[in-house]
N, C-alpha and C. Protein backbone atom coordinates (compact mmCIF):
# COMPACT_ATOMS: atom_id res chain seq x y z
N MET A 1 20.87 3.61 -7.01
CA MET A 1 19.52 4.17 -7.12
C MET A 1 18.60 3.46 -6.13
N ASP A 2 17.85 4.25 -5.33
CA ASP A 2 16.88 3.60 -4.46
C ASP A 2 15.52 3.60 -5.15
N SER A 3 14.55 3.00 -4.50
CA SER A 3 13.23 2.84 -5.12
C SER A 3 12.57 4.17 -5.43
N ILE A 4 12.76 5.17 -4.55
CA ILE A 4 12.16 6.49 -4.79
C ILE A 4 12.75 7.12 -6.05
N ASP A 5 14.07 7.01 -6.20
CA ASP A 5 14.73 7.52 -7.42
C ASP A 5 14.16 6.85 -8.66
N TYR A 6 13.92 5.55 -8.56
CA TYR A 6 13.35 4.80 -9.68
C TYR A 6 12.00 5.38 -10.08
N TYR A 7 11.15 5.61 -9.09
CA TYR A 7 9.80 6.13 -9.40
C TYR A 7 9.85 7.56 -9.92
N ASN A 8 10.82 8.33 -9.47
CA ASN A 8 10.98 9.68 -10.03
C ASN A 8 11.43 9.60 -11.49
N LYS A 9 12.35 8.70 -11.75
CA LYS A 9 12.92 8.58 -13.10
C LYS A 9 11.92 7.99 -14.09
N TYR A 10 11.16 7.00 -13.66
CA TYR A 10 10.26 6.26 -14.56
C TYR A 10 8.78 6.51 -14.25
N ALA A 11 8.46 7.67 -13.69
CA ALA A 11 7.08 7.95 -13.25
C ALA A 11 6.06 7.75 -14.37
N ALA A 12 6.34 8.27 -15.55
CA ALA A 12 5.38 8.17 -16.66
C ALA A 12 5.14 6.71 -17.04
N LYS A 13 6.21 5.92 -17.09
CA LYS A 13 6.11 4.50 -17.43
C LYS A 13 5.30 3.75 -16.37
N VAL A 14 5.59 4.00 -15.10
CA VAL A 14 4.87 3.35 -14.01
C VAL A 14 3.39 3.74 -14.06
N PHE A 15 3.13 5.02 -14.30
CA PHE A 15 1.76 5.49 -14.41
C PHE A 15 1.01 4.73 -15.51
N GLU A 16 1.63 4.64 -16.68
CA GLU A 16 0.99 3.95 -17.81
C GLU A 16 0.69 2.48 -17.49
N GLU A 17 1.59 1.84 -16.76
CA GLU A 17 1.44 0.41 -16.46
C GLU A 17 0.40 0.13 -15.38
N THR A 18 0.13 1.13 -14.53
CA THR A 18 -0.69 0.84 -13.34
C THR A 18 -2.01 1.60 -13.25
N ALA A 19 -2.15 2.72 -13.92
CA ALA A 19 -3.30 3.61 -13.70
C ALA A 19 -4.64 2.97 -14.03
N GLU A 20 -4.65 2.02 -14.97
CA GLU A 20 -5.93 1.44 -15.41
C GLU A 20 -6.17 0.03 -14.90
N GLN A 21 -5.30 -0.48 -14.02
CA GLN A 21 -5.50 -1.84 -13.51
C GLN A 21 -6.73 -1.90 -12.61
N ASP A 22 -7.49 -2.96 -12.72
CA ASP A 22 -8.72 -3.11 -11.95
C ASP A 22 -8.43 -3.84 -10.63
N MET A 23 -8.57 -3.11 -9.54
CA MET A 23 -8.29 -3.68 -8.21
C MET A 23 -9.58 -3.97 -7.43
N SER A 24 -10.73 -3.90 -8.10
CA SER A 24 -12.01 -3.98 -7.39
C SER A 24 -12.20 -5.29 -6.64
N GLU A 25 -11.73 -6.39 -7.20
CA GLU A 25 -11.92 -7.70 -6.56
C GLU A 25 -11.19 -7.75 -5.21
N ILE A 26 -10.00 -7.18 -5.16
CA ILE A 26 -9.22 -7.15 -3.91
C ILE A 26 -9.77 -6.07 -2.98
N MET A 27 -10.12 -4.94 -3.57
CA MET A 27 -10.60 -3.79 -2.80
C MET A 27 -11.87 -4.10 -2.01
N LYS A 28 -12.70 -5.00 -2.53
CA LYS A 28 -14.00 -5.25 -1.88
C LYS A 28 -13.85 -5.73 -0.44
N TRP A 29 -12.77 -6.48 -0.15
CA TRP A 29 -12.56 -6.98 1.21
C TRP A 29 -12.21 -5.84 2.15
N PHE A 30 -11.42 -4.90 1.67
CA PHE A 30 -11.03 -3.71 2.44
C PHE A 30 -12.27 -2.83 2.68
N LEU A 31 -13.00 -2.57 1.61
CA LEU A 31 -14.16 -1.68 1.70
C LEU A 31 -15.29 -2.25 2.55
N ALA A 32 -15.37 -3.58 2.64
CA ALA A 32 -16.39 -4.22 3.46
C ALA A 32 -16.23 -3.87 4.94
N GLU A 33 -15.02 -3.47 5.32
CA GLU A 33 -14.73 -3.14 6.72
C GLU A 33 -14.94 -1.65 7.02
N LEU A 34 -15.29 -0.87 5.99
CA LEU A 34 -15.42 0.58 6.14
C LEU A 34 -16.84 1.04 5.82
N GLU A 35 -17.12 2.29 6.17
CA GLU A 35 -18.40 2.90 5.84
C GLU A 35 -18.15 4.14 5.00
N GLU A 36 -19.11 4.46 4.14
CA GLU A 36 -18.98 5.65 3.29
C GLU A 36 -18.66 6.86 4.15
N GLY A 37 -17.72 7.67 3.68
CA GLY A 37 -17.32 8.86 4.43
C GLY A 37 -16.13 8.63 5.35
N ASP A 38 -15.76 7.36 5.58
CA ASP A 38 -14.60 7.06 6.42
C ASP A 38 -13.32 7.63 5.79
N THR A 39 -12.31 7.81 6.62
CA THR A 39 -11.03 8.35 6.16
C THR A 39 -10.10 7.21 5.74
N ILE A 40 -9.50 7.36 4.56
CA ILE A 40 -8.57 6.36 4.03
C ILE A 40 -7.26 7.05 3.66
N LEU A 41 -6.15 6.47 4.08
CA LEU A 41 -4.83 6.88 3.63
C LEU A 41 -4.38 5.89 2.57
N ASP A 42 -4.12 6.40 1.35
CA ASP A 42 -3.56 5.56 0.28
C ASP A 42 -2.05 5.72 0.37
N LEU A 43 -1.42 4.75 0.99
CA LEU A 43 -0.01 4.82 1.38
C LEU A 43 0.86 4.29 0.24
N GLY A 44 1.58 5.18 -0.42
CA GLY A 44 2.32 4.80 -1.62
C GLY A 44 1.34 4.73 -2.78
N CYS A 45 0.65 5.85 -3.01
CA CYS A 45 -0.50 5.86 -3.93
C CYS A 45 -0.12 5.70 -5.40
N GLY A 46 1.16 5.90 -5.73
CA GLY A 46 1.58 5.73 -7.13
C GLY A 46 0.79 6.62 -8.06
N SER A 47 0.11 6.01 -9.03
CA SER A 47 -0.64 6.75 -10.05
C SER A 47 -1.86 7.47 -9.48
N GLY A 48 -2.28 7.09 -8.28
CA GLY A 48 -3.49 7.64 -7.69
C GLY A 48 -4.73 6.85 -8.06
N ARG A 49 -4.53 5.75 -8.78
CA ARG A 49 -5.64 4.90 -9.25
C ARG A 49 -6.62 4.56 -8.13
N ASP A 50 -6.10 4.05 -7.01
CA ASP A 50 -6.98 3.59 -5.94
C ASP A 50 -7.55 4.77 -5.14
N SER A 51 -6.76 5.84 -5.00
CA SER A 51 -7.26 7.05 -4.33
C SER A 51 -8.50 7.57 -5.05
N LEU A 52 -8.43 7.59 -6.37
CA LEU A 52 -9.55 8.08 -7.17
C LEU A 52 -10.78 7.20 -6.98
N THR A 53 -10.59 5.89 -6.99
CA THR A 53 -11.71 4.97 -6.77
C THR A 53 -12.35 5.22 -5.40
N PHE A 54 -11.53 5.31 -4.36
CA PHE A 54 -12.06 5.53 -3.01
C PHE A 54 -12.82 6.87 -2.95
N TYR A 55 -12.25 7.89 -3.54
CA TYR A 55 -12.87 9.22 -3.55
C TYR A 55 -14.23 9.17 -4.25
N GLU A 56 -14.27 8.51 -5.40
CA GLU A 56 -15.52 8.42 -6.16
C GLU A 56 -16.58 7.60 -5.43
N LEU A 57 -16.15 6.72 -4.51
CA LEU A 57 -17.08 5.92 -3.71
C LEU A 57 -17.54 6.66 -2.45
N GLY A 58 -17.05 7.89 -2.25
CA GLY A 58 -17.52 8.71 -1.14
C GLY A 58 -16.67 8.69 0.11
N PHE A 59 -15.43 8.22 0.00
CA PHE A 59 -14.53 8.21 1.15
C PHE A 59 -13.71 9.50 1.22
N ASP A 60 -13.25 9.84 2.41
CA ASP A 60 -12.39 10.98 2.64
C ASP A 60 -10.95 10.48 2.48
N VAL A 61 -10.33 10.79 1.34
CA VAL A 61 -9.07 10.15 0.94
C VAL A 61 -7.88 11.09 1.12
N THR A 62 -6.83 10.56 1.70
CA THR A 62 -5.53 11.23 1.72
C THR A 62 -4.58 10.35 0.90
N ALA A 63 -4.06 10.91 -0.17
CA ALA A 63 -3.10 10.19 -1.02
C ALA A 63 -1.69 10.61 -0.62
N MET A 64 -0.78 9.64 -0.60
CA MET A 64 0.59 9.92 -0.17
C MET A 64 1.56 9.05 -0.95
N ASP A 65 2.66 9.64 -1.39
CA ASP A 65 3.71 8.89 -2.06
C ASP A 65 5.04 9.58 -1.80
N ALA A 66 6.12 8.81 -1.81
CA ALA A 66 7.45 9.37 -1.55
C ALA A 66 8.07 9.99 -2.80
N SER A 67 7.59 9.59 -3.97
CA SER A 67 8.17 10.07 -5.22
C SER A 67 7.51 11.37 -5.66
N GLU A 68 8.30 12.42 -5.80
CA GLU A 68 7.78 13.72 -6.22
C GLU A 68 7.09 13.63 -7.58
N GLU A 69 7.69 12.89 -8.51
CA GLU A 69 7.11 12.80 -9.86
C GLU A 69 5.81 12.00 -9.87
N MET A 70 5.73 10.92 -9.06
CA MET A 70 4.48 10.17 -8.95
C MET A 70 3.39 11.03 -8.31
N CYS A 71 3.76 11.85 -7.33
CA CYS A 71 2.78 12.75 -6.70
C CYS A 71 2.18 13.70 -7.72
N LYS A 72 3.04 14.25 -8.58
CA LYS A 72 2.55 15.18 -9.62
C LYS A 72 1.55 14.49 -10.54
N LEU A 73 1.89 13.30 -11.01
CA LEU A 73 1.00 12.57 -11.91
C LEU A 73 -0.30 12.16 -11.21
N ALA A 74 -0.18 11.75 -9.94
CA ALA A 74 -1.38 11.35 -9.18
C ALA A 74 -2.30 12.55 -8.96
N GLU A 75 -1.74 13.73 -8.74
CA GLU A 75 -2.57 14.92 -8.56
C GLU A 75 -3.33 15.24 -9.85
N ILE A 76 -2.66 15.12 -10.98
CA ILE A 76 -3.32 15.37 -12.27
C ILE A 76 -4.42 14.33 -12.50
N HIS A 77 -4.11 13.07 -12.21
CA HIS A 77 -5.04 11.97 -12.46
C HIS A 77 -6.29 12.03 -11.57
N THR A 78 -6.10 12.44 -10.31
CA THR A 78 -7.19 12.36 -9.34
C THR A 78 -7.87 13.70 -9.05
N GLY A 79 -7.13 14.79 -9.27
CA GLY A 79 -7.65 16.09 -8.85
C GLY A 79 -7.54 16.30 -7.35
N LEU A 80 -6.87 15.39 -6.65
CA LEU A 80 -6.67 15.47 -5.21
C LEU A 80 -5.27 15.98 -4.89
N ASP A 81 -5.11 16.62 -3.74
CA ASP A 81 -3.77 16.95 -3.26
C ASP A 81 -3.10 15.64 -2.84
N VAL A 82 -1.82 15.51 -3.14
CA VAL A 82 -1.08 14.31 -2.77
C VAL A 82 0.10 14.71 -1.89
N LEU A 83 0.19 14.10 -0.72
CA LEU A 83 1.31 14.37 0.19
C LEU A 83 2.56 13.69 -0.32
N GLN A 84 3.66 14.45 -0.42
CA GLN A 84 4.93 13.82 -0.74
C GLN A 84 5.65 13.56 0.58
N MET A 85 5.75 12.28 0.93
CA MET A 85 6.28 11.91 2.23
C MET A 85 6.72 10.45 2.20
N THR A 86 7.83 10.15 2.86
CA THR A 86 8.26 8.75 2.97
C THR A 86 7.53 8.09 4.14
N PHE A 87 7.60 6.77 4.19
CA PHE A 87 7.02 6.03 5.31
C PHE A 87 7.64 6.51 6.62
N GLU A 88 8.96 6.75 6.58
CA GLU A 88 9.69 7.14 7.79
C GLU A 88 9.25 8.52 8.28
N GLU A 89 8.86 9.40 7.36
CA GLU A 89 8.44 10.75 7.73
C GLU A 89 7.00 10.80 8.24
N MET A 90 6.25 9.75 7.99
CA MET A 90 4.84 9.71 8.36
C MET A 90 4.68 9.86 9.87
N ASN A 91 3.79 10.78 10.27
CA ASN A 91 3.62 11.03 11.69
C ASN A 91 2.17 11.45 11.98
N PHE A 92 1.25 10.48 11.86
CA PHE A 92 -0.15 10.74 12.12
C PHE A 92 -0.56 10.05 13.42
N ASP A 93 -1.54 10.64 14.11
CA ASP A 93 -2.06 10.03 15.34
C ASP A 93 -3.56 9.83 15.24
N ASN A 94 -4.01 8.57 15.20
CA ASN A 94 -5.44 8.23 15.24
C ASN A 94 -6.27 9.02 14.22
N VAL A 95 -5.81 9.05 12.96
CA VAL A 95 -6.45 9.87 11.94
C VAL A 95 -7.33 9.05 11.00
N PHE A 96 -6.92 7.84 10.66
CA PHE A 96 -7.54 7.11 9.55
C PHE A 96 -8.34 5.90 10.00
N ASP A 97 -9.49 5.70 9.31
CA ASP A 97 -10.28 4.48 9.54
C ASP A 97 -9.66 3.30 8.78
N GLY A 98 -9.02 3.59 7.66
CA GLY A 98 -8.38 2.55 6.86
C GLY A 98 -7.11 3.06 6.20
N ILE A 99 -6.14 2.18 6.08
CA ILE A 99 -4.91 2.49 5.34
C ILE A 99 -4.74 1.42 4.27
N TRP A 100 -4.57 1.87 3.04
CA TRP A 100 -4.44 1.01 1.87
C TRP A 100 -2.99 1.11 1.40
N ALA A 101 -2.25 0.02 1.52
CA ALA A 101 -0.83 -0.01 1.12
C ALA A 101 -0.66 -1.10 0.07
N CYS A 102 -1.15 -0.81 -1.13
CA CYS A 102 -1.14 -1.77 -2.23
C CYS A 102 0.23 -1.76 -2.92
N ALA A 103 0.97 -2.85 -2.77
CA ALA A 103 2.28 -3.00 -3.41
C ALA A 103 3.21 -1.82 -3.13
N SER A 104 3.17 -1.31 -1.89
CA SER A 104 4.06 -0.20 -1.54
C SER A 104 5.04 -0.57 -0.41
N LEU A 105 4.57 -1.31 0.58
CA LEU A 105 5.46 -1.68 1.70
C LEU A 105 6.50 -2.70 1.27
N LEU A 106 6.35 -3.26 0.07
CA LEU A 106 7.29 -4.28 -0.40
C LEU A 106 8.68 -3.72 -0.71
N HIS A 107 8.83 -2.39 -0.66
CA HIS A 107 10.16 -1.79 -0.87
C HIS A 107 10.91 -1.56 0.44
N ILE A 108 10.27 -1.86 1.57
CA ILE A 108 10.90 -1.64 2.88
C ILE A 108 11.75 -2.86 3.26
N PRO A 109 13.02 -2.65 3.60
CA PRO A 109 13.83 -3.79 4.07
C PRO A 109 13.12 -4.52 5.22
N LYS A 110 13.23 -5.83 5.23
CA LYS A 110 12.48 -6.64 6.21
C LYS A 110 12.75 -6.20 7.64
N LYS A 111 13.99 -5.83 7.95
CA LYS A 111 14.32 -5.45 9.33
C LYS A 111 13.65 -4.14 9.75
N GLU A 112 13.14 -3.37 8.77
CA GLU A 112 12.51 -2.07 9.07
C GLU A 112 10.98 -2.13 9.02
N LEU A 113 10.40 -3.23 8.55
CA LEU A 113 8.96 -3.28 8.35
C LEU A 113 8.19 -3.11 9.66
N SER A 114 8.65 -3.72 10.75
CA SER A 114 7.92 -3.62 12.01
C SER A 114 7.82 -2.18 12.49
N ASP A 115 8.89 -1.40 12.31
CA ASP A 115 8.86 0.02 12.71
C ASP A 115 7.82 0.79 11.89
N VAL A 116 7.73 0.48 10.60
CA VAL A 116 6.74 1.15 9.75
C VAL A 116 5.33 0.72 10.15
N LEU A 117 5.15 -0.56 10.46
CA LEU A 117 3.85 -1.04 10.92
C LEU A 117 3.42 -0.34 12.21
N THR A 118 4.38 -0.04 13.07
CA THR A 118 4.08 0.69 14.31
C THR A 118 3.59 2.10 13.99
N LYS A 119 4.22 2.77 13.02
CA LYS A 119 3.76 4.10 12.58
C LYS A 119 2.36 4.02 11.97
N ILE A 120 2.12 2.96 11.20
CA ILE A 120 0.80 2.76 10.59
C ILE A 120 -0.26 2.55 11.68
N ALA A 121 0.07 1.74 12.68
CA ALA A 121 -0.88 1.50 13.78
C ALA A 121 -1.21 2.81 14.49
N ARG A 122 -0.20 3.66 14.69
CA ARG A 122 -0.43 4.95 15.35
C ARG A 122 -1.33 5.84 14.48
N ALA A 123 -1.18 5.75 13.16
CA ALA A 123 -1.97 6.57 12.24
C ALA A 123 -3.43 6.14 12.19
N LEU A 124 -3.69 4.87 12.47
CA LEU A 124 -5.06 4.35 12.44
C LEU A 124 -5.81 4.69 13.72
N ASP A 125 -7.12 4.93 13.59
CA ASP A 125 -7.92 5.10 14.79
C ASP A 125 -8.19 3.71 15.40
N ASP A 126 -8.84 3.71 16.55
CA ASP A 126 -9.13 2.43 17.22
C ASP A 126 -9.92 1.53 16.27
N LYS A 127 -9.51 0.31 16.16
CA LYS A 127 -10.14 -0.69 15.28
C LYS A 127 -9.98 -0.38 13.80
N GLY A 128 -9.05 0.53 13.46
CA GLY A 128 -8.79 0.85 12.06
C GLY A 128 -8.24 -0.36 11.32
N ILE A 129 -8.37 -0.36 9.99
CA ILE A 129 -7.91 -1.51 9.22
C ILE A 129 -6.80 -1.13 8.25
N LEU A 130 -5.97 -2.11 7.96
CA LEU A 130 -4.84 -1.95 7.04
C LEU A 130 -4.90 -3.06 6.01
N TYR A 131 -4.77 -2.67 4.74
CA TYR A 131 -4.56 -3.65 3.66
C TYR A 131 -3.15 -3.44 3.15
N MET A 132 -2.43 -4.54 2.94
CA MET A 132 -1.09 -4.46 2.33
C MET A 132 -0.89 -5.67 1.43
N SER A 133 -0.01 -5.51 0.44
CA SER A 133 0.26 -6.63 -0.46
C SER A 133 1.74 -6.70 -0.80
N PHE A 134 2.18 -7.93 -0.98
CA PHE A 134 3.58 -8.23 -1.29
C PHE A 134 3.62 -9.34 -2.34
N ARG A 135 4.70 -9.37 -3.10
CA ARG A 135 4.91 -10.54 -3.95
C ARG A 135 5.16 -11.73 -3.04
N LYS A 136 4.62 -12.89 -3.43
CA LYS A 136 4.77 -14.08 -2.60
C LYS A 136 6.15 -14.70 -2.85
N GLY A 137 6.84 -14.99 -1.75
CA GLY A 137 8.16 -15.61 -1.83
C GLY A 137 8.98 -15.27 -0.62
N ASP A 138 10.28 -15.51 -0.68
CA ASP A 138 11.14 -15.18 0.46
C ASP A 138 12.34 -14.33 0.03
N TYR A 139 12.28 -13.75 -1.16
CA TYR A 139 13.39 -12.96 -1.68
C TYR A 139 13.48 -11.60 -0.97
N GLU A 140 14.71 -11.13 -0.78
CA GLU A 140 14.96 -9.74 -0.36
C GLU A 140 16.18 -9.24 -1.10
N GLY A 141 16.04 -8.10 -1.77
CA GLY A 141 17.17 -7.51 -2.47
C GLY A 141 16.71 -6.76 -3.71
N PHE A 142 17.66 -6.38 -4.53
CA PHE A 142 17.33 -5.61 -5.72
C PHE A 142 16.84 -6.50 -6.85
N ARG A 143 15.76 -6.06 -7.49
CA ARG A 143 15.33 -6.58 -8.78
C ARG A 143 15.44 -5.39 -9.71
N GLY A 144 16.42 -5.42 -10.59
CA GLY A 144 16.66 -4.25 -11.42
C GLY A 144 17.09 -3.10 -10.54
N GLU A 145 16.38 -1.98 -10.64
CA GLU A 145 16.79 -0.78 -9.93
C GLU A 145 15.99 -0.54 -8.64
N ARG A 146 15.12 -1.47 -8.28
CA ARG A 146 14.31 -1.31 -7.06
C ARG A 146 14.58 -2.42 -6.07
N TYR A 147 14.43 -2.08 -4.79
CA TYR A 147 14.61 -3.04 -3.69
C TYR A 147 13.26 -3.67 -3.37
N PHE A 148 13.22 -4.98 -3.26
CA PHE A 148 11.98 -5.70 -2.98
C PHE A 148 12.13 -6.66 -1.82
N CYS A 149 11.05 -6.81 -1.06
CA CYS A 149 10.97 -7.84 -0.03
C CYS A 149 9.69 -8.63 -0.24
N ASP A 150 9.84 -9.91 -0.49
CA ASP A 150 8.70 -10.81 -0.68
C ASP A 150 8.40 -11.50 0.66
N TYR A 151 7.17 -11.93 0.81
CA TYR A 151 6.77 -12.63 2.04
C TYR A 151 5.91 -13.83 1.71
N THR A 152 5.94 -14.79 2.61
CA THR A 152 5.01 -15.92 2.58
C THR A 152 3.96 -15.67 3.65
N GLU A 153 2.91 -16.49 3.65
CA GLU A 153 1.90 -16.36 4.70
C GLU A 153 2.53 -16.49 6.08
N ASP A 154 3.45 -17.44 6.22
CA ASP A 154 4.09 -17.66 7.52
C ASP A 154 4.98 -16.48 7.91
N SER A 155 5.77 -15.97 6.96
CA SER A 155 6.72 -14.91 7.33
C SER A 155 6.02 -13.59 7.65
N ILE A 156 4.96 -13.25 6.92
CA ILE A 156 4.25 -12.00 7.24
C ILE A 156 3.45 -12.16 8.52
N SER A 157 2.92 -13.36 8.76
CA SER A 157 2.19 -13.62 10.02
C SER A 157 3.13 -13.46 11.22
N GLU A 158 4.36 -13.91 11.05
CA GLU A 158 5.35 -13.79 12.12
C GLU A 158 5.69 -12.33 12.39
N VAL A 159 5.87 -11.53 11.33
CA VAL A 159 6.14 -10.09 11.49
C VAL A 159 4.99 -9.43 12.27
N LEU A 160 3.77 -9.75 11.88
CA LEU A 160 2.60 -9.15 12.53
C LEU A 160 2.49 -9.61 13.99
N ARG A 161 2.76 -10.88 14.23
CA ARG A 161 2.71 -11.41 15.60
C ARG A 161 3.76 -10.72 16.47
N ASP A 162 4.97 -10.59 15.96
CA ASP A 162 6.05 -9.94 16.71
C ASP A 162 5.74 -8.46 16.95
N ASN A 163 5.13 -7.81 15.95
CA ASN A 163 4.79 -6.39 16.08
C ASN A 163 3.71 -6.19 17.15
N GLY A 164 2.74 -7.09 17.18
CA GLY A 164 1.76 -7.10 18.25
C GLY A 164 0.67 -6.03 18.22
N ARG A 165 0.51 -5.34 17.10
CA ARG A 165 -0.48 -4.25 17.04
C ARG A 165 -1.68 -4.55 16.16
N PHE A 166 -1.69 -5.71 15.50
CA PHE A 166 -2.75 -6.02 14.54
C PHE A 166 -3.26 -7.44 14.70
N ASP A 167 -4.54 -7.62 14.35
CA ASP A 167 -5.12 -8.95 14.24
C ASP A 167 -5.42 -9.20 12.77
N ILE A 168 -5.09 -10.38 12.30
CA ILE A 168 -5.33 -10.72 10.89
C ILE A 168 -6.82 -11.00 10.67
N ILE A 169 -7.41 -10.31 9.70
CA ILE A 169 -8.79 -10.55 9.30
C ILE A 169 -8.81 -11.57 8.16
N LYS A 170 -7.95 -11.35 7.18
CA LYS A 170 -7.93 -12.21 6.00
C LYS A 170 -6.54 -12.17 5.39
N LEU A 171 -6.07 -13.33 4.95
CA LEU A 171 -4.77 -13.44 4.30
C LEU A 171 -4.98 -14.34 3.09
N TRP A 172 -4.76 -13.81 1.88
CA TRP A 172 -5.06 -14.61 0.69
C TRP A 172 -4.10 -14.31 -0.45
N GLU A 173 -4.09 -15.24 -1.39
CA GLU A 173 -3.18 -15.17 -2.53
C GLU A 173 -3.96 -14.84 -3.80
N THR A 174 -3.38 -14.00 -4.65
CA THR A 174 -4.01 -13.68 -5.93
C THR A 174 -2.96 -13.69 -7.03
N ASP A 175 -3.46 -13.79 -8.26
CA ASP A 175 -2.58 -13.65 -9.42
C ASP A 175 -2.32 -12.18 -9.66
N ASP A 176 -1.24 -11.89 -10.39
CA ASP A 176 -0.93 -10.51 -10.78
C ASP A 176 -1.98 -10.05 -11.79
N VAL A 177 -2.53 -8.85 -11.57
CA VAL A 177 -3.58 -8.35 -12.48
C VAL A 177 -3.01 -7.79 -13.78
N ARG A 178 -1.69 -7.55 -13.81
CA ARG A 178 -1.09 -7.00 -15.02
C ARG A 178 -0.86 -8.08 -16.07
N SER A 179 -1.11 -7.74 -17.32
CA SER A 179 -0.89 -8.72 -18.39
C SER A 179 0.61 -9.00 -18.50
N GLY A 180 0.94 -10.23 -18.81
CA GLY A 180 2.34 -10.62 -18.93
C GLY A 180 2.99 -11.01 -17.61
N HIS A 181 2.23 -10.98 -16.52
CA HIS A 181 2.77 -11.33 -15.21
C HIS A 181 1.96 -12.45 -14.57
N SER A 182 1.34 -13.29 -15.38
CA SER A 182 0.41 -14.30 -14.85
C SER A 182 1.10 -15.35 -13.98
N ASP A 183 2.42 -15.46 -14.08
CA ASP A 183 3.14 -16.44 -13.27
C ASP A 183 3.45 -15.91 -11.86
N ARG A 184 3.16 -14.65 -11.63
CA ARG A 184 3.51 -14.02 -10.36
C ARG A 184 2.34 -14.07 -9.39
N LYS A 185 2.61 -14.49 -8.16
CA LYS A 185 1.58 -14.55 -7.12
C LYS A 185 1.78 -13.40 -6.13
N TRP A 186 0.66 -12.90 -5.64
CA TRP A 186 0.67 -11.82 -4.66
C TRP A 186 0.03 -12.29 -3.37
N LEU A 187 0.57 -11.82 -2.27
CA LEU A 187 0.04 -12.10 -0.95
C LEU A 187 -0.69 -10.85 -0.48
N ASN A 188 -1.96 -11.00 -0.14
CA ASN A 188 -2.80 -9.90 0.31
C ASN A 188 -3.10 -10.10 1.79
N ILE A 189 -2.95 -9.02 2.57
CA ILE A 189 -3.14 -9.13 4.01
C ILE A 189 -4.07 -8.00 4.46
N LEU A 190 -5.14 -8.39 5.14
CA LEU A 190 -6.07 -7.42 5.72
C LEU A 190 -6.04 -7.62 7.22
N VAL A 191 -5.71 -6.56 7.95
CA VAL A 191 -5.57 -6.66 9.41
C VAL A 191 -6.32 -5.52 10.09
N ARG A 192 -6.64 -5.74 11.35
CA ARG A 192 -7.31 -4.70 12.16
C ARG A 192 -6.42 -4.34 13.34
N LYS A 193 -6.33 -3.05 13.61
CA LYS A 193 -5.60 -2.58 14.80
C LYS A 193 -6.34 -3.05 16.04
N HIS A 194 -5.58 -3.53 17.02
CA HIS A 194 -6.27 -3.94 18.25
C HIS A 194 -5.71 -3.18 19.44
């Protein structure tokens, strides 16, 4: 089973666990770089939680997820159309002012992340910004039925340096917002296309 199959199979469970989590503290850094009405791609939107927040704040939001079942739930939750598309299928040119990839790129094998970052850079307009988050660590492999790649500040900085398309604005660590996961640390990365 790959990660997309997992989200199709457990869509309702994932929705219940994530739809009401408060991401405002992390979101404020991303939103500080944007203006009302700017275009945002919610990359791996899951429940649509963040797409809905951005939409309600006056942004032009495109929600996207690879899981057909998550797309259906996100459409019901947000009232927005949700693109069903994998990272690999993504093919936008200079469309978005911001791309929000909250806990979504962590399913990409490390050797493939730079190629996806290149697609993301192409999707962003000049000086566009990207937010992404990963579990902090150096693990790569399956946890249960999903594939995960964790990063440290050094390892994600190296990926970005090698990719050469982004400048780091802010890199910070946070606790997991979900109850029962207080021992888990997250790495948050905000970068600008250059």
